[in-house]
Amino acid sequence: MEQSLIVRGAPQEYECREGAWNGLEDHLQRRNLKRVLILHGKNSWQAAKPFFPEFENIYSKFMAYGGRCTDKEIAKAAVYAKEERMSGIVAVGGGTVSDLGKAAAYQLGIPIIILPTLAATCAAYTPLSVVYKEDGEMDRYDVYPVSNSLILIEPSVILHSPVNLMVAGIGDTLAKWYEADTMISQLTVQPIEIGVASFAARQCREILLRDSEQAIAAMKTGKLNQSFLNVIETNILLGGMVGGFGDDYGRTAGAHSIHDALTLLPDSHHQLHGNKVAYGVFVQLVIEDKWNEIEELLSFYRSMNLPASLKELGFSLSDAEYKAVAERAAAPHETIHYMKETITPEVVYQAMQALEVFMAEKNSV
């Protein structure tokens, strides 16, 4: 598969500090945005609302989204924003709200401002949306030729977010190294921008392995520490830089193809994105015959309660389901083909089976 290399390195402005949200109105006024749609989730909004500033000179309307980033939800948000003559969209919430806001704003040709309430993905940072079908199956990635206008991170909001969502973000961001490395290591000449992506990806791994336990401890005690700040910025900023500078060489390879394939299973829709990706990392490593790396990561997975097998994800697949997932993961359009190995449904099927056997043996010791 042919890969592209277009740098989309960063949002126009980014700020991460306590009290960052308090400056939202000033940021909007500097952008001459006088009418904004506040797009938000439901549960996340209850946590975010106490931190959200009141506007004195900005006209705003609030809209709760329907739970998924689908073409139907994108159209709904875009139509409402157009009817209200909005000059910008402010997305407050997790990755799905961010993706929905980006898609609607792009359709209308207006800026998107993102206030993340979670550090579960790099969605707040990146100029792309993951779009799903109405039944929950992953449909496509839409990449935009414009950067997000502004990212404001209030650490205190994320500090009190669900721990399991932060852990899922750690799993998703850890995959940045493994997916980028499997592609970048194939290059005989490494362009400067790919070198930046590779550095960011390696930092993702090093920081997460070093700081994640203390970051989770901060969430459990409700007290900010430097490890927590390091991890949220790794998940959002560094994670976004990997794909921002590396483009197709820094986005997704095997692990995310496994994730995408698992969305075929209705039961998987209740599983967090990052948990499925974390499992996908191990399947990718099996395909690469990197069992030593799996051994090295296992203790970290255990400390974070990340799933290392389908059984740990709560799945018990029939042989037909294994084959359907493997077929979907190896579909011609999937990024798993960016790996140097020749990928077929049988290769994926055998890797998934081998991982289950390996983990069963580990758990029986």
Protein backbone atom coordinates (compact mmCIF):
# COMPACT_ATOMS: atom_id res chain seq x y z
CA MET A 1 0.00 0.00 0.00
CA GLU A 2 1.22 3.48 -0.86
CA GLN A 3 1.74 5.88 2.04
CA SER A 4 1.50 9.67 2.09
CA LEU A 5 3.67 12.14 3.99
CA ILE A 6 1.97 15.48 4.60
CA VAL A 7 2.85 17.27 7.83
CA ARG A 8 -0.12 18.33 9.98
CA GLY A 9 2.03 18.91 13.00
CA ALA A 10 -0.06 20.76 15.54
CA PRO A 11 -3.19 22.77 16.28
CA GLN A 12 -2.90 26.51 15.78
CA GLU A 13 -2.72 27.05 19.54
CA TYR A 14 -2.45 24.66 22.49
CA GLU A 15 -2.47 25.31 26.21
CA CYS A 16 -2.35 22.92 29.16
CA ARG A 17 -2.49 24.46 32.64
CA GLU A 18 -4.74 24.81 35.62
CA GLY A 19 -7.34 27.46 34.82
CA ALA A 20 -6.84 27.17 31.05
CA TRP A 21 -10.59 27.13 30.38
CA ASN A 22 -11.01 30.51 32.07
CA GLY A 23 -9.36 32.15 29.09
CA LEU A 24 -11.81 30.70 26.55
CA GLU A 25 -13.75 33.92 25.95
CA ASP A 26 -10.55 35.88 25.33
CA HIS A 27 -9.42 33.25 22.84
CA LEU A 28 -12.76 33.43 21.04
CA GLN A 29 -12.64 37.22 20.87
CA ARG A 30 -9.10 37.19 19.49
CA ARG A 31 -10.44 34.95 16.73
CA ASN A 32 -13.42 37.26 16.19
CA LEU A 33 -15.78 34.38 16.98
CA LYS A 34 -18.94 36.02 18.31
CA ARG A 35 -21.40 33.14 17.97
CA VAL A 36 -20.38 29.60 19.00
CA LEU A 37 -22.02 26.21 19.32
CA ILE A 38 -20.98 24.36 22.48
CA LEU A 39 -21.08 20.69 21.50
CA HIS A 40 -20.86 18.32 24.45
CA GLY A 41 -21.56 14.85 25.74
CA LYS A 42 -23.93 13.92 28.54
CA ASN A 43 -22.00 12.31 31.37
CA SER A 44 -18.79 14.21 30.56
CA TRP A 45 -20.69 17.50 30.58
CA GLN A 46 -21.77 16.99 34.18
CA ALA A 47 -18.10 16.75 35.15
CA ALA A 48 -17.03 19.64 32.91
CA LYS A 49 -19.85 22.09 33.64
CA PRO A 50 -18.43 23.43 36.95
CA PHE A 51 -15.21 24.37 35.14
CA PHE A 52 -16.84 25.86 32.03
CA PRO A 53 -16.72 29.67 32.04
CA GLU A 54 -19.70 31.95 31.54
CA PHE A 55 -19.51 34.30 28.55
CA GLU A 56 -20.12 38.01 28.79
CA ASN A 57 -19.87 39.00 25.13
CA ILE A 58 -20.23 35.74 23.21
CA TYR A 59 -23.52 34.32 21.94
CA SER A 60 -23.64 30.58 22.56
CA LYS A 61 -25.97 27.62 22.23
CA PHE A 62 -25.47 24.20 23.81
CA MET A 63 -26.04 20.90 22.04
CA ALA A 64 -25.64 17.36 23.40
CA TYR A 65 -24.59 14.80 20.81
CA GLY A 66 -26.12 11.37 20.31
CA GLY A 67 -23.26 9.13 21.44
CA ARG A 68 -21.37 8.34 18.22
CA CYS A 69 -19.56 10.22 15.48
CA THR A 70 -21.69 9.16 12.50
CA ASP A 71 -22.60 10.92 9.28
CA LYS A 72 -26.09 11.46 10.72
CA GLU A 73 -24.75 13.11 13.88
CA ILE A 74 -22.28 15.22 11.89
CA ALA A 75 -25.08 16.50 9.64
CA LYS A 76 -27.28 17.22 12.65
CA ALA A 77 -24.61 19.36 14.34
CA ALA A 78 -23.68 21.13 11.09
CA VAL A 79 -27.31 21.97 10.26
CA TYR A 80 -27.95 23.36 13.74
CA ALA A 81 -24.76 25.45 13.70
CA LYS A 82 -25.63 26.81 10.26
CA GLU A 83 -29.18 27.68 11.29
CA GLU A 84 -27.84 29.57 14.29
CA ARG A 85 -25.24 31.34 12.10
CA MET A 86 -22.40 30.10 14.31
CA SER A 87 -18.90 31.35 13.56
CA GLY A 88 -17.20 28.54 15.48
CA ILE A 89 -17.75 25.27 17.33
CA VAL A 90 -16.45 24.49 20.82
CA ALA A 91 -16.32 20.73 21.48
CA VAL A 92 -16.26 19.79 25.17
CA GLY A 93 -15.79 16.11 25.96
CA GLY A 94 -13.92 13.02 24.90
CA GLY A 95 -12.59 11.84 21.57
CA THR A 96 -15.97 11.18 19.98
CA VAL A 97 -17.21 14.72 20.70
CA SER A 98 -13.92 16.10 19.37
CA ASP A 99 -14.22 14.08 16.15
CA LEU A 100 -17.84 15.12 15.70
CA GLY A 101 -17.03 18.78 16.25
CA LYS A 102 -14.11 18.68 13.82
CA ALA A 103 -16.24 17.08 11.12
CA ALA A 104 -19.13 19.53 11.49
CA ALA A 105 -16.80 22.55 11.63
CA TYR A 106 -14.98 21.41 8.51
CA GLN A 107 -18.23 21.00 6.62
CA LEU A 108 -19.15 24.58 7.50
CA GLY A 109 -15.68 26.04 7.02
CA ILE A 110 -15.52 27.42 10.57
CA PRO A 111 -12.93 26.97 13.36
CA ILE A 112 -13.05 24.16 15.91
CA ILE A 113 -11.98 24.73 19.51
CA ILE A 114 -11.60 21.63 21.70
CA LEU A 115 -11.74 21.36 25.48
CA PRO A 116 -10.99 17.71 26.28
CA THR A 117 -12.45 16.16 29.42
CA LEU A 118 -10.51 12.93 28.96
CA ALA A 119 -6.98 11.90 27.99
CA ALA A 120 -8.18 8.70 26.35
CA THR A 121 -7.03 9.55 22.79
CA CYS A 122 -5.13 12.22 20.85
CA ALA A 123 -8.38 13.24 19.11
CA ALA A 124 -8.29 16.76 20.56
CA TYR A 125 -4.93 17.39 18.86
CA THR A 126 -5.31 15.79 15.46
CA PRO A 127 -7.11 17.17 12.37
CA LEU A 128 -9.03 13.99 11.62
CA SER A 129 -12.25 12.26 12.59
CA VAL A 130 -12.99 8.57 13.05
CA VAL A 131 -16.46 8.07 11.59
CA TYR A 132 -18.64 5.10 12.54
CA LYS A 133 -21.64 3.48 10.93
CA GLU A 134 -24.99 3.62 12.69
CA ASP A 135 -24.58 0.04 13.94
CA GLY A 136 -21.29 0.90 15.67
CA GLU A 137 -18.90 -0.59 13.12
CA MET A 138 -15.95 1.63 12.28
CA ASP A 139 -16.44 3.17 8.82
CA ARG A 140 -13.51 5.46 7.93
CA TYR A 141 -11.01 8.16 8.85
CA ASP A 142 -11.58 11.66 7.47
CA VAL A 143 -8.39 13.76 7.44
CA TYR A 144 -8.78 17.55 7.13
CA PRO A 145 -6.50 20.08 5.42
CA VAL A 146 -6.96 22.56 8.30
CA SER A 147 -5.61 22.42 11.84
CA ASN A 148 -7.76 22.56 14.94
CA SER A 149 -7.91 26.21 15.97
CA LEU A 150 -7.34 25.83 19.71
CA ILE A 151 -6.90 23.13 22.36
CA LEU A 152 -7.41 24.10 26.01
CA ILE A 153 -6.58 21.42 28.57
CA GLU A 154 -7.73 21.88 32.16
CA PRO A 155 -5.83 19.17 34.09
CA SER A 156 -8.27 19.27 37.02
CA VAL A 157 -11.14 18.14 34.80
CA ILE A 158 -9.18 15.13 33.54
CA LEU A 159 -7.89 14.37 37.06
CA HIS A 160 -11.45 13.54 38.10
CA SER A 161 -12.34 11.60 34.93
CA PRO A 162 -12.89 7.82 35.09
CA VAL A 163 -9.64 5.94 35.69
CA ASN A 164 -10.57 3.20 33.21
CA LEU A 165 -10.79 5.78 30.41
CA MET A 166 -7.34 7.12 31.27
CA VAL A 167 -5.98 3.56 31.23
CA ALA A 168 -7.55 3.00 27.82
CA GLY A 169 -5.82 6.18 26.64
CA ILE A 170 -2.52 4.82 27.88
CA GLY A 171 -3.10 1.62 25.90
CA ASP A 172 -3.99 3.56 22.77
CA THR A 173 -0.98 5.87 23.06
CA LEU A 174 1.46 3.06 23.81
CA ALA A 175 0.49 1.65 20.41
CA LYS A 176 1.93 4.79 18.78
CA TRP A 177 5.45 3.44 19.19
CA TYR A 178 4.75 -0.09 18.02
CA GLU A 179 2.71 0.93 14.98
CA ALA A 180 5.05 3.75 13.94
CA ASP A 181 8.18 1.68 14.46
CA THR A 182 6.97 -1.21 12.33
CA MET A 183 6.62 1.22 9.41
CA ILE A 184 9.50 3.62 9.99
CA SER A 185 12.00 0.81 10.54
CA GLN A 186 11.48 -0.24 6.93
CA LEU A 187 12.80 3.07 5.55
CA THR A 188 16.36 3.22 4.25
CA VAL A 189 16.22 7.04 4.27
CA GLN A 190 14.36 8.78 7.09
CA PRO A 191 13.07 12.28 6.23
CA ILE A 192 13.34 14.93 8.95
CA GLU A 193 9.60 14.98 9.61
CA ILE A 194 9.52 11.22 10.09
CA GLY A 195 12.44 11.56 12.50
CA VAL A 196 10.26 13.92 14.58
CA ALA A 197 7.40 11.40 14.48
CA SER A 198 9.74 8.57 15.52
CA PHE A 199 11.11 10.60 18.43
CA ALA A 200 7.58 11.44 19.62
CA ALA A 201 6.52 7.79 19.32
CA ARG A 202 9.51 6.58 21.35
CA GLN A 203 8.78 9.22 23.97
CA CYS A 204 5.21 7.95 24.19
CA ARG A 205 6.49 4.53 25.18
CA GLU A 206 9.19 5.74 27.57
CA ILE A 207 7.00 8.25 29.42
CA LEU A 208 4.03 5.92 29.74
CA LEU A 209 6.09 3.01 31.04
CA ARG A 210 7.77 5.36 33.53
CA ASP A 211 4.92 7.57 34.74
CA SER A 212 1.60 5.77 34.27
CA GLU A 213 1.41 4.16 37.71
CA GLN A 214 1.99 7.47 39.49
CA ALA A 215 -0.48 9.19 37.16
CA ILE A 216 -3.19 6.71 38.08
CA ALA A 217 -2.29 7.17 41.75
CA ALA A 218 -2.88 10.91 41.33
CA MET A 219 -6.35 10.24 39.96
CA LYS A 220 -7.18 7.94 42.87
CA THR A 221 -6.06 10.50 45.46
CA GLY A 222 -7.40 13.51 43.56
CA LYS A 223 -4.04 15.29 43.81
CA LEU A 224 -2.19 16.54 40.73
CA ASN A 225 1.39 15.42 40.29
CA GLN A 226 3.95 15.78 37.51
CA SER A 227 3.52 12.19 36.36
CA PHE A 228 -0.19 12.84 35.77
CA LEU A 229 0.58 15.97 33.73
CA ASN A 230 3.22 14.05 31.77
CA VAL A 231 0.78 11.26 30.92
CA ILE A 232 -2.13 13.47 29.81
CA GLU A 233 0.18 15.48 27.56
CA THR A 234 1.71 12.28 26.23
CA ASN A 235 -1.71 10.89 25.36
CA ILE A 236 -2.90 14.10 23.73
CA LEU A 237 0.10 16.13 22.50
CA LEU A 238 2.85 13.57 21.87
CA GLY A 239 0.35 11.04 20.56
CA GLY A 240 -0.97 13.65 18.14
CA MET A 241 2.53 14.60 17.02
CA VAL A 242 3.31 11.05 15.89
CA GLY A 243 0.66 11.12 13.18
CA GLY A 244 0.93 14.87 12.72
CA PHE A 245 4.52 14.67 11.54
CA GLY A 246 4.62 11.10 10.27
CA ASP A 247 1.26 11.07 8.48
CA ASP A 248 0.69 7.52 7.21
CA TYR A 249 4.05 6.48 8.71
CA GLY A 250 2.91 7.56 12.16
CA ARG A 251 -0.77 6.76 12.36
CA THR A 252 -1.94 3.17 12.42
CA ALA A 253 -0.65 -0.23 11.36
CA GLY A 254 -1.50 -3.64 12.79
CA ALA A 255 -2.93 -2.82 16.22
CA HIS A 256 -5.62 -0.47 14.93
CA SER A 257 -6.55 -2.84 12.12
CA ILE A 258 -7.25 -5.44 14.79
CA HIS A 259 -9.33 -2.85 16.66
CA ASP A 260 -11.28 -1.99 13.54
CA ALA A 261 -11.95 -5.65 12.84
CA LEU A 262 -13.24 -6.25 16.36
CA THR A 263 -15.96 -3.66 15.76
CA LEU A 264 -17.65 -6.32 13.63
CA LEU A 265 -18.62 -7.99 16.92
CA PRO A 266 -21.62 -6.34 18.62
CA ASP A 267 -20.18 -7.11 22.07
CA SER A 268 -17.07 -5.09 21.21
CA HIS A 269 -19.05 -1.84 21.08
CA HIS A 270 -19.11 -1.86 24.87
CA GLN A 271 -15.33 -2.16 25.06
CA LEU A 272 -13.14 0.94 25.21
CA HIS A 273 -11.20 1.87 22.07
CA GLY A 274 -7.83 1.88 23.85
CA ASN A 275 -8.37 -1.55 25.39
CA LYS A 276 -9.04 -3.07 21.99
CA VAL A 277 -5.97 -1.32 20.59
CA ALA A 278 -3.84 -2.59 23.50
CA TYR A 279 -4.90 -6.12 22.62
CA GLY A 280 -4.15 -5.33 18.97
CA VAL A 281 -0.57 -4.37 19.90
CA PHE A 282 0.00 -7.91 21.14
CA VAL A 283 -1.49 -9.46 18.00
CA GLN A 284 0.79 -7.25 15.90
CA LEU A 285 3.81 -8.30 17.97
CA VAL A 286 2.91 -11.98 17.45
CA ILE A 287 2.80 -11.39 13.69
CA GLU A 288 6.24 -9.77 13.95
CA ASP A 289 7.44 -12.74 16.07
CA LYS A 290 8.42 -10.35 18.90
CA TRP A 291 7.55 -12.59 21.83
CA ASN A 292 10.29 -11.05 23.96
CA GLU A 293 8.61 -7.65 23.63
CA ILE A 294 5.32 -9.18 24.76
CA GLU A 295 7.13 -10.64 27.79
CA GLU A 296 8.58 -7.21 28.60
CA LEU A 297 5.21 -5.46 28.31
CA LEU A 298 3.19 -7.99 30.28
CA SER A 299 4.03 -6.63 33.73
CA PHE A 300 3.04 -3.14 32.59
CA TYR A 301 -0.21 -4.44 31.15
CA ARG A 302 -0.89 -6.18 34.44
CA SER A 303 -0.19 -3.03 36.47
CA MET A 304 -2.57 -1.03 34.26
CA ASN A 305 -5.19 -3.77 33.93
CA LEU A 306 -4.88 -3.65 30.14
CA PRO A 307 -6.18 -6.69 28.24
CA ALA A 308 -3.55 -8.96 26.72
CA SER A 309 -5.95 -11.47 25.16
CA LEU A 310 -9.47 -11.82 23.85
CA LYS A 311 -10.40 -13.66 27.03
CA GLU A 312 -9.27 -10.66 29.08
CA LEU A 313 -11.41 -8.45 26.83
CA GLY A 314 -14.33 -10.64 27.82
CA PHE A 315 -14.70 -12.36 24.44
CA SER A 316 -15.24 -16.03 23.72
CA LEU A 317 -15.18 -16.28 19.93
CA SER A 318 -16.36 -19.11 17.77
CA ASP A 319 -14.05 -20.26 15.00
CA ALA A 320 -16.30 -18.50 12.49
CA GLU A 321 -15.99 -15.23 14.46
CA TYR A 322 -12.21 -15.58 14.62
CA LYS A 323 -12.14 -15.96 10.86
CA ALA A 324 -14.51 -13.04 10.28
CA VAL A 325 -12.35 -10.74 12.42
CA ALA A 326 -9.19 -11.95 10.69
CA GLU A 327 -10.76 -11.39 7.27
CA ARG A 328 -11.78 -7.84 8.21
CA ALA A 329 -8.36 -7.04 9.73
CA ALA A 330 -6.62 -8.16 6.52
CA ALA A 331 -8.99 -6.35 4.16
CA PRO A 332 -7.07 -4.67 1.30
CA HIS A 333 -7.68 -1.14 2.60
CA GLU A 334 -6.48 -1.87 6.15
CA THR A 335 -3.29 -0.27 7.49
CA ILE A 336 -2.02 -3.64 8.72
CA HIS A 337 -0.54 -3.96 5.23
CA TYR A 338 1.94 -1.20 6.11
CA MET A 339 3.79 -3.85 8.10
CA LYS A 340 6.70 -5.53 6.32
CA GLU A 341 5.19 -8.98 6.78
CA THR A 342 2.85 -10.38 4.15
CA ILE A 343 -0.57 -10.17 5.76
CA THR A 344 -3.40 -12.57 4.95
CA PRO A 345 -6.52 -13.51 6.93
CA GLU A 346 -4.76 -16.77 7.84
CA VAL A 347 -1.76 -14.89 9.25
CA VAL A 348 -4.04 -12.81 11.48
CA TYR A 349 -6.12 -15.83 12.47
CA GLN A 350 -3.05 -17.81 13.49
CA ALA A 351 -1.62 -14.84 15.44
CA MET A 352 -4.85 -14.38 17.40
CA GLN A 353 -5.00 -18.08 18.20
CA ALA A 354 -1.32 -18.23 19.21
CA LEU A 355 -1.76 -15.25 21.55
CA GLU A 356 -4.67 -16.91 23.33
CA VAL A 357 -2.64 -20.07 23.86
CA PHE A 358 0.37 -18.08 25.10
CA MET A 359 -1.69 -16.03 27.56
CA ALA A 360 -3.57 -19.10 28.82
CA GLU A 361 -0.22 -20.71 29.63
CA LYS A 362 0.99 -17.53 31.34
CA ASN A 363 -2.13 -17.28 33.46
CA SER A 364 -1.95 -20.91 34.50
CA VAL A 365 1.51 -20.54 36.02
